[in-house]
Amino acid sequence: MSDEIPLQSTGDLQSLCRNIYPVLFDTEKTSWTLEELKHAAREDQKSPEGFTSLVHKDVFQYMLANTYDEVAALCPIFDLATLKKLTKEQQSLSVTHPSGNPARWAILSTWIAVALRFRAAGGSEGEYSHVIKSYYCNATLVLSDLILQNTTLQNIQSLLFMAILAEVLGDHRSFVMLVTNAARQMELVARTPPTMLSSEARELYERLLSFSQILDRKVARDHSLVAILAPKDVTT
């Protein structure tokens, strides 16, 4: 994987995204989808813990179908089948709470925020900034769980995806911290004997490692820090 995917700068990324996403959703469902999101993000609709409800599964599947290829090109660490599975699992349990899987909750919440941010038509970002921040907050509310609980590949996926959104939103400090935590978790996973990883897990590990290294180098380059993931040091 080349260094062309992750961001050279926030401005470069936003320019790239604007070229990819000239309008939000070019279908007759646009206004309905946006109203659903704006309603869910209202303060009086949030849970006692501060969570914004995930949108109805039909709305999320619609968003997924319209944004998967582009988002995956920018952040190539997900496959569509897995995302659909995560959506089905979460919807069957709760749309208002992580239900024991903070990584799944963070991934789905971040996807909503990324899809909305990248697909907002030029000049309309301000109208939906509150919605975007609400779903970003959904993910950050489970950050302590992602960092302090047992390390999993899904945790790392969520941290890297959140890092991309943080950089898009200009939250550079959070970008650094999220990438750094993901890199450290990659080091922990690297200690797992290869025989203990399924072929599917091994493939995902390699994908996450490659992308983590790219973002890790960006952090080192842009913020004058030392890269954590030297290619020769993180193998299984």
C-alpha atoms as a PDB file:
ATOM      1  CA  MET A   1       0.000   0.000   0.000  1.00  0.00           C
ATOM      2  CA  SER A   2       1.383   3.379  -0.955  1.00  0.00           C
ATOM      3  CA  ASP A   3       1.426   6.545   1.088  1.00  0.00           C
ATOM      4  CA  GLU A   4      -1.040   8.185  -1.310  1.00  0.00           C
ATOM      5  CA  ILE A   5      -4.181   7.119   0.550  1.00  0.00           C
ATOM      6  CA  PRO A   6      -3.751   8.896   3.881  1.00  0.00           C
ATOM      7  CA  LEU A   7      -3.662  12.557   4.227  1.00  0.00           C
ATOM      8  CA  GLN A   8      -0.817  14.783   3.309  1.00  0.00           C
ATOM      9  CA  SER A   9      -2.689  17.581   5.049  1.00  0.00           C
ATOM     10  CA  THR A  10      -6.223  18.298   6.144  1.00  0.00           C
ATOM     11  CA  GLY A  11      -6.642  20.674   3.228  1.00  0.00           C
ATOM     12  CA  ASP A  12      -5.489  18.034   0.766  1.00  0.00           C
ATOM     13  CA  LEU A  13      -7.873  15.494   2.248  1.00  0.00           C
ATOM     14  CA  GLN A  14     -10.826  17.835   2.195  1.00  0.00           C
ATOM     15  CA  SER A  15     -10.052  18.725  -1.408  1.00  0.00           C
ATOM     16  CA  LEU A  16      -9.881  15.045  -2.295  1.00  0.00           C
ATOM     17  CA  CYS A  17     -13.145  14.328  -0.526  1.00  0.00           C
ATOM     18  CA  ARG A  18     -14.852  17.249  -2.211  1.00  0.00           C
ATOM     19  CA  ASN A  19     -13.895  15.820  -5.592  1.00  0.00           C
ATOM     20  CA  ILE A  20     -15.178  12.400  -4.601  1.00  0.00           C
ATOM     21  CA  TYR A  21     -18.355  13.642  -2.937  1.00  0.00           C
ATOM     22  CA  PRO A  22     -19.785  16.645  -4.827  1.00  0.00           C
ATOM     23  CA  VAL A  23     -23.220  16.279  -3.242  1.00  0.00           C
ATOM     24  CA  LEU A  24     -24.655  14.446  -0.286  1.00  0.00           C
ATOM     25  CA  PHE A  25     -27.020  11.837  -1.714  1.00  0.00           C
ATOM     26  CA  ASP A  26     -28.238  12.363  -5.242  1.00  0.00           C
ATOM     27  CA  THR A  27     -31.536  10.535  -4.798  1.00  0.00           C
ATOM     28  CA  GLU A  28     -35.080  11.336  -3.787  1.00  0.00           C
ATOM     29  CA  LYS A  29     -34.338   9.947  -0.309  1.00  0.00           C
ATOM     30  CA  THR A  30     -31.911  12.740   0.503  1.00  0.00           C
ATOM     31  CA  SER A  31     -34.148  14.966   2.596  1.00  0.00           C
ATOM     32  CA  TRP A  32     -35.599  12.022   4.510  1.00  0.00           C
ATOM     33  CA  THR A  33     -32.137  10.682   5.345  1.00  0.00           C
ATOM     34  CA  LEU A  34     -30.859  14.048   6.532  1.00  0.00           C
ATOM     35  CA  GLU A  35     -33.924  14.736   8.652  1.00  0.00           C
ATOM     36  CA  GLU A  36     -33.536  11.317  10.281  1.00  0.00           C
ATOM     37  CA  LEU A  37     -29.930  12.144  11.161  1.00  0.00           C
ATOM     38  CA  LYS A  38     -30.695  15.635  12.429  1.00  0.00           C
ATOM     39  CA  HIS A  39     -33.515  14.341  14.622  1.00  0.00           C
ATOM     40  CA  ALA A  40     -31.319  11.626  16.143  1.00  0.00           C
ATOM     41  CA  ALA A  41     -28.614  14.171  17.004  1.00  0.00           C
ATOM     42  CA  ARG A  42     -30.920  16.450  19.000  1.00  0.00           C
ATOM     43  CA  GLU A  43     -29.899  16.815  22.639  1.00  0.00           C
ATOM     44  CA  ASP A  44     -33.315  15.755  23.907  1.00  0.00           C
ATOM     45  CA  GLN A  45     -33.040  12.522  21.925  1.00  0.00           C
ATOM     46  CA  LYS A  46     -29.727  11.402  23.419  1.00  0.00           C
ATOM     47  CA  SER A  47     -29.371   8.630  25.992  1.00  0.00           C
ATOM     48  CA  PRO A  48     -28.432   9.411  29.624  1.00  0.00           C
ATOM     49  CA  GLU A  49     -24.844   8.449  28.742  1.00  0.00           C
ATOM     50  CA  GLY A  50     -24.837  11.015  25.942  1.00  0.00           C
ATOM     51  CA  PHE A  51     -25.131   8.578  23.031  1.00  0.00           C
ATOM     52  CA  THR A  52     -26.854   9.613  19.826  1.00  0.00           C
ATOM     53  CA  SER A  53     -29.066   6.841  18.480  1.00  0.00           C
ATOM     54  CA  LEU A  54     -27.931   5.089  15.352  1.00  0.00           C
ATOM     55  CA  VAL A  55     -30.202   5.611  12.381  1.00  0.00           C
ATOM     56  CA  HIS A  56     -32.667   2.944  11.282  1.00  0.00           C
ATOM     57  CA  LYS A  57     -31.033  -0.017   9.563  1.00  0.00           C
ATOM     58  CA  ASP A  58     -32.630   0.865   6.219  1.00  0.00           C
ATOM     59  CA  VAL A  59     -31.147   4.353   6.374  1.00  0.00           C
ATOM     60  CA  PHE A  60     -27.734   3.032   7.337  1.00  0.00           C
ATOM     61  CA  GLN A  61     -27.776   0.388   4.595  1.00  0.00           C
ATOM     62  CA  TYR A  62     -28.699   3.142   2.148  1.00  0.00           C
ATOM     63  CA  MET A  63     -25.787   5.277   3.328  1.00  0.00           C
ATOM     64  CA  LEU A  64     -23.469   2.283   3.169  1.00  0.00           C
ATOM     65  CA  ALA A  65     -24.471   1.453  -0.390  1.00  0.00           C
ATOM     66  CA  ASN A  66     -23.860   5.039  -1.484  1.00  0.00           C
ATOM     67  CA  THR A  67     -20.537   5.615   0.271  1.00  0.00           C
ATOM     68  CA  TYR A  68     -18.743   2.297   0.697  1.00  0.00           C
ATOM     69  CA  ASP A  69     -16.524   2.373  -2.387  1.00  0.00           C
ATOM     70  CA  GLU A  70     -15.287   5.899  -1.787  1.00  0.00           C
ATOM     71  CA  VAL A  71     -14.748   5.595   1.960  1.00  0.00           C
ATOM     72  CA  ALA A  72     -13.030   2.232   1.533  1.00  0.00           C
ATOM     73  CA  ALA A  73     -10.697   3.770  -1.050  1.00  0.00           C
ATOM     74  CA  LEU A  74      -9.649   6.362   1.514  1.00  0.00           C
ATOM     75  CA  CYS A  75      -9.624   4.023   4.519  1.00  0.00           C
ATOM     76  CA  PRO A  76      -9.135   0.493   3.106  1.00  0.00           C
ATOM     77  CA  ILE A  77      -9.616  -1.526   6.283  1.00  0.00           C
ATOM     78  CA  PHE A  78     -13.215  -2.721   5.933  1.00  0.00           C
ATOM     79  CA  ASP A  79     -15.097  -5.099   3.686  1.00  0.00           C
ATOM     80  CA  LEU A  80     -18.738  -4.553   2.889  1.00  0.00           C
ATOM     81  CA  ALA A  81     -19.904  -7.930   4.186  1.00  0.00           C
ATOM     82  CA  THR A  82     -18.402  -7.258   7.615  1.00  0.00           C
ATOM     83  CA  LEU A  83     -19.983  -3.815   7.814  1.00  0.00           C
ATOM     84  CA  LYS A  84     -23.391  -5.258   6.974  1.00  0.00           C
ATOM     85  CA  LYS A  85     -22.885  -7.927   9.618  1.00  0.00           C
ATOM     86  CA  LEU A  86     -21.944  -5.325  12.236  1.00  0.00           C
ATOM     87  CA  THR A  87     -25.013  -3.286  11.331  1.00  0.00           C
ATOM     88  CA  LYS A  88     -27.313  -6.287  11.663  1.00  0.00           C
ATOM     89  CA  GLU A  89     -25.787  -7.254  15.016  1.00  0.00           C
ATOM     90  CA  GLN A  90     -26.038  -3.761  16.469  1.00  0.00           C
ATOM     91  CA  GLN A  91     -29.570  -3.156  15.228  1.00  0.00           C
ATOM     92  CA  SER A  92     -30.746  -6.439  16.736  1.00  0.00           C
ATOM     93  CA  LEU A  93     -29.390  -5.428  20.147  1.00  0.00           C
ATOM     94  CA  SER A  94     -29.737  -1.663  20.490  1.00  0.00           C
ATOM     95  CA  VAL A  95     -29.565   1.555  18.501  1.00  0.00           C
ATOM     96  CA  THR A  96     -28.999   3.632  21.632  1.00  0.00           C
ATOM     97  CA  HIS A  97     -26.119   1.827  23.350  1.00  0.00           C
ATOM     98  CA  PRO A  98     -22.952  -0.138  22.403  1.00  0.00           C
ATOM     99  CA  SER A  99     -24.404  -3.331  23.927  1.00  0.00           C
ATOM    100  CA  GLY A 100     -21.085  -4.819  24.945  1.00  0.00           C
ATOM    101  CA  ASN A 101     -19.169  -4.112  21.735  1.00  0.00           C
ATOM    102  CA  PRO A 102     -17.636  -0.618  21.823  1.00  0.00           C
ATOM    103  CA  ALA A 103     -15.606  -1.196  18.661  1.00  0.00           C
ATOM    104  CA  ARG A 104     -18.688  -2.063  16.632  1.00  0.00           C
ATOM    105  CA  TRP A 105     -20.484   0.996  18.002  1.00  0.00           C
ATOM    106  CA  ALA A 106     -17.525   3.256  17.218  1.00  0.00           C
ATOM    107  CA  ILE A 107     -17.196   1.935  13.667  1.00  0.00           C
ATOM    108  CA  LEU A 108     -20.871   2.417  12.811  1.00  0.00           C
ATOM    109  CA  SER A 109     -21.042   5.851  14.448  1.00  0.00           C
ATOM    110  CA  THR A 110     -17.883   6.981  12.671  1.00  0.00           C
ATOM    111  CA  TRP A 111     -19.192   5.733   9.344  1.00  0.00           C
ATOM    112  CA  ILE A 112     -22.281   7.905   9.677  1.00  0.00           C
ATOM    113  CA  ALA A 113     -20.130  10.940  10.491  1.00  0.00           C
ATOM    114  CA  VAL A 114     -17.658  10.274   7.675  1.00  0.00           C
ATOM    115  CA  ALA A 115     -20.382   9.656   5.112  1.00  0.00           C
ATOM    116  CA  LEU A 116     -22.171  12.864   6.037  1.00  0.00           C
ATOM    117  CA  ARG A 117     -18.995  14.957   6.184  1.00  0.00           C
ATOM    118  CA  PHE A 118     -17.635  13.723   2.884  1.00  0.00           C
ATOM    119  CA  ARG A 119     -20.931  13.874   1.047  1.00  0.00           C
ATOM    120  CA  ALA A 120     -22.003  17.337   2.208  1.00  0.00           C
ATOM    121  CA  ALA A 121     -22.339  19.702  -0.714  1.00  0.00           C
ATOM    122  CA  GLY A 122     -19.968  22.649  -0.726  1.00  0.00           C
ATOM    123  CA  GLY A 123     -21.223  25.383   1.581  1.00  0.00           C
ATOM    124  CA  SER A 124     -23.648  23.139   3.451  1.00  0.00           C
ATOM    125  CA  GLU A 125     -21.203  21.682   5.982  1.00  0.00           C
ATOM    126  CA  GLY A 126     -22.277  24.056   8.732  1.00  0.00           C
ATOM    127  CA  GLU A 127     -25.872  22.883   8.584  1.00  0.00           C
ATOM    128  CA  TYR A 128     -24.824  19.352   9.470  1.00  0.00           C
ATOM    129  CA  SER A 129     -21.767  19.993  11.643  1.00  0.00           C
ATOM    130  CA  HIS A 130     -23.740  19.278  14.814  1.00  0.00           C
ATOM    131  CA  VAL A 131     -24.850  15.901  13.457  1.00  0.00           C
ATOM    132  CA  ILE A 132     -21.308  14.994  12.431  1.00  0.00           C
ATOM    133  CA  LYS A 133     -19.919  15.956  15.823  1.00  0.00           C
ATOM    134  CA  SER A 134     -22.664  14.015  17.605  1.00  0.00           C
ATOM    135  CA  TYR A 135     -21.715  10.779  15.873  1.00  0.00           C
ATOM    136  CA  TYR A 136     -18.012  11.487  16.343  1.00  0.00           C
ATOM    137  CA  CYS A 137     -18.792  11.942  20.044  1.00  0.00           C
ATOM    138  CA  ASN A 138     -20.592   8.580  19.971  1.00  0.00           C
ATOM    139  CA  ALA A 139     -17.287   6.968  19.084  1.00  0.00           C
ATOM    140  CA  THR A 140     -15.156   8.965  21.510  1.00  0.00           C
ATOM    141  CA  LEU A 141     -17.495   8.075  24.379  1.00  0.00           C
ATOM    142  CA  VAL A 142     -16.295   4.462  24.138  1.00  0.00           C
ATOM    143  CA  LEU A 143     -12.634   5.357  23.629  1.00  0.00           C
ATOM    144  CA  SER A 144     -11.576   4.259  27.109  1.00  0.00           C
ATOM    145  CA  ASP A 145     -13.056   0.820  26.413  1.00  0.00           C
ATOM    146  CA  LEU A 146     -11.191   0.572  23.118  1.00  0.00           C
ATOM    147  CA  ILE A 147      -7.894   1.420  24.792  1.00  0.00           C
ATOM    148  CA  LEU A 148      -8.188  -0.324  28.151  1.00  0.00           C
ATOM    149  CA  GLN A 149     -10.005  -3.542  27.235  1.00  0.00           C
ATOM    150  CA  ASN A 150      -8.378  -6.547  25.585  1.00  0.00           C
ATOM    151  CA  THR A 151      -6.778  -5.735  22.257  1.00  0.00           C
ATOM    152  CA  THR A 152      -8.680  -6.940  19.187  1.00  0.00           C
ATOM    153  CA  LEU A 153      -8.370  -6.300  15.475  1.00  0.00           C
ATOM    154  CA  GLN A 154     -11.818  -4.708  15.557  1.00  0.00           C
ATOM    155  CA  ASN A 155     -10.623  -2.281  18.231  1.00  0.00           C
ATOM    156  CA  ILE A 156      -7.734  -1.298  15.975  1.00  0.00           C
ATOM    157  CA  GLN A 157     -10.090  -0.837  13.027  1.00  0.00           C
ATOM    158  CA  SER A 158     -12.233   1.535  15.046  1.00  0.00           C
ATOM    159  CA  LEU A 159      -9.245   3.569  16.281  1.00  0.00           C
ATOM    160  CA  LEU A 160      -7.833   3.990  12.773  1.00  0.00           C
ATOM    161  CA  PHE A 161     -11.216   4.949  11.345  1.00  0.00           C
ATOM    162  CA  MET A 162     -11.767   7.468  14.130  1.00  0.00           C
ATOM    163  CA  ALA A 163      -8.306   8.869  13.404  1.00  0.00           C
ATOM    164  CA  ILE A 164      -9.257   9.545   9.791  1.00  0.00           C
ATOM    165  CA  LEU A 165     -12.383  11.399  10.890  1.00  0.00           C
ATOM    166  CA  ALA A 166     -10.443  13.365  13.504  1.00  0.00           C
ATOM    167  CA  GLU A 167      -8.008  14.570  10.849  1.00  0.00           C
ATOM    168  CA  VAL A 168     -10.841  15.530   8.508  1.00  0.00           C
ATOM    169  CA  LEU A 169     -12.415  17.587  11.296  1.00  0.00           C
ATOM    170  CA  GLY A 170      -9.107  19.313  12.022  1.00  0.00           C
ATOM    171  CA  ASP A 171      -8.696  17.586  15.379  1.00  0.00           C
ATOM    172  CA  HIS A 172      -5.000  16.930  14.830  1.00  0.00           C
ATOM    173  CA  ARG A 173      -4.145  16.103  18.434  1.00  0.00           C
ATOM    174  CA  SER A 174      -6.795  13.397  18.534  1.00  0.00           C
ATOM    175  CA  PHE A 175      -5.522  12.100  15.201  1.00  0.00           C
ATOM    176  CA  VAL A 176      -2.060  11.656  16.711  1.00  0.00           C
ATOM    177  CA  MET A 177      -3.374   9.987  19.856  1.00  0.00           C
ATOM    178  CA  LEU A 178      -5.693   7.624  17.983  1.00  0.00           C
ATOM    179  CA  VAL A 179      -3.009   6.550  15.527  1.00  0.00           C
ATOM    180  CA  THR A 180      -0.509   6.104  18.353  1.00  0.00           C
ATOM    181  CA  ASN A 181      -2.885   3.897  20.322  1.00  0.00           C
ATOM    182  CA  ALA A 182      -3.692   1.846  17.236  1.00  0.00           C
ATOM    183  CA  ALA A 183       0.022   1.401  16.531  1.00  0.00           C
ATOM    184  CA  ARG A 184       0.701   0.184  20.056  1.00  0.00           C
ATOM    185  CA  GLN A 185      -2.182  -2.254  19.815  1.00  0.00           C
ATOM    186  CA  MET A 186      -0.759  -3.531  16.532  1.00  0.00           C
ATOM    187  CA  GLU A 187       2.463  -4.282  18.400  1.00  0.00           C
ATOM    188  CA  LEU A 188       0.503  -6.308  20.945  1.00  0.00           C
ATOM    189  CA  VAL A 189      -1.321  -8.277  18.256  1.00  0.00           C
ATOM    190  CA  ALA A 190       2.029  -8.978  16.578  1.00  0.00           C
ATOM    191  CA  ARG A 191       2.958 -11.119  19.578  1.00  0.00           C
ATOM    192  CA  THR A 192       0.180 -13.561  18.753  1.00  0.00           C
ATOM    193  CA  PRO A 193       1.606 -16.779  17.252  1.00  0.00           C
ATOM    194  CA  PRO A 194       0.581 -17.098  13.578  1.00  0.00           C
ATOM    195  CA  THR A 195      -1.021 -20.468  14.284  1.00  0.00           C
ATOM    196  CA  MET A 196      -3.540 -18.757  16.564  1.00  0.00           C
ATOM    197  CA  LEU A 197      -4.832 -16.494  13.784  1.00  0.00           C
ATOM    198  CA  SER A 198      -7.352 -17.723  11.252  1.00  0.00           C
ATOM    199  CA  SER A 199      -6.662 -17.004   7.596  1.00  0.00           C
ATOM    200  CA  GLU A 200      -9.343 -14.307   7.716  1.00  0.00           C
ATOM    201  CA  ALA A 201      -7.809 -12.706  10.819  1.00  0.00           C
ATOM    202  CA  ARG A 202      -4.355 -12.892   9.267  1.00  0.00           C
ATOM    203  CA  GLU A 203      -5.570 -11.096   6.149  1.00  0.00           C
ATOM    204  CA  LEU A 204      -7.201  -8.386   8.244  1.00  0.00           C
ATOM    205  CA  TYR A 205      -4.072  -8.074  10.376  1.00  0.00           C
ATOM    206  CA  GLU A 206      -1.922  -7.473   7.294  1.00  0.00           C
ATOM    207  CA  ARG A 207      -4.354  -4.869   5.996  1.00  0.00           C
ATOM    208  CA  LEU A 208      -4.442  -3.048   9.334  1.00  0.00           C
ATOM    209  CA  LEU A 209      -0.678  -3.225   9.707  1.00  0.00           C
ATOM    210  CA  SER A 210      -0.095  -1.673   6.301  1.00  0.00           C
ATOM    211  CA  PHE A 211      -2.548   1.149   6.931  1.00  0.00           C
ATOM    212  CA  SER A 212      -1.293   1.710  10.489  1.00  0.00           C
ATOM    213  CA  GLN A 213       2.248   2.087   9.197  1.00  0.00           C
ATOM    214  CA  ILE A 214       1.146   4.714   6.695  1.00  0.00           C
ATOM    215  CA  LEU A 215      -0.674   6.774   9.324  1.00  0.00           C
ATOM    216  CA  ASP A 216       2.171   6.248  11.793  1.00  0.00           C
ATOM    217  CA  ARG A 217       4.630   7.683   9.273  1.00  0.00           C
ATOM    218  CA  LYS A 218       2.300  10.620   8.685  1.00  0.00           C
ATOM    219  CA  VAL A 219       2.215  11.343  12.422  1.00  0.00           C
ATOM    220  CA  ALA A 220       6.009  11.173  12.601  1.00  0.00           C
ATOM    221  CA  ARG A 221       6.447  13.380   9.542  1.00  0.00           C
ATOM    222  CA  ASP A 222       3.823  16.019  10.308  1.00  0.00           C
ATOM    223  CA  HIS A 223       4.375  16.281  14.058  1.00  0.00           C
ATOM    224  CA  SER A 224       8.121  15.638  14.367  1.00  0.00           C
ATOM    225  CA  LEU A 225       7.593  12.452  16.361  1.00  0.00           C
ATOM    226  CA  VAL A 226       9.250   9.054  16.194  1.00  0.00           C
ATOM    227  CA  ALA A 227       7.446   6.406  14.157  1.00  0.00           C
ATOM    228  CA  ILE A 228       6.343   3.409  16.204  1.00  0.00           C
ATOM    229  CA  LEU A 229       5.784   0.787  13.523  1.00  0.00           C
ATOM    230  CA  ALA A 230       8.998   0.087  11.670  1.00  0.00           C
ATOM    231  CA  PRO A 231       8.155  -2.552   9.040  1.00  0.00           C
ATOM    232  CA  LYS A 232      10.885  -4.912  10.214  1.00  0.00           C
ATOM    233  CA  ASP A 233       9.724  -4.716  13.831  1.00  0.00           C
ATOM    234  CA  VAL A 234       6.064  -5.664  13.495  1.00  0.00           C
ATOM    235  CA  THR A 235       5.573  -9.079  11.970  1.00  0.00           C
ATOM    236  CA  THR A 236       3.855 -12.270  12.985  1.00  0.00           C
END
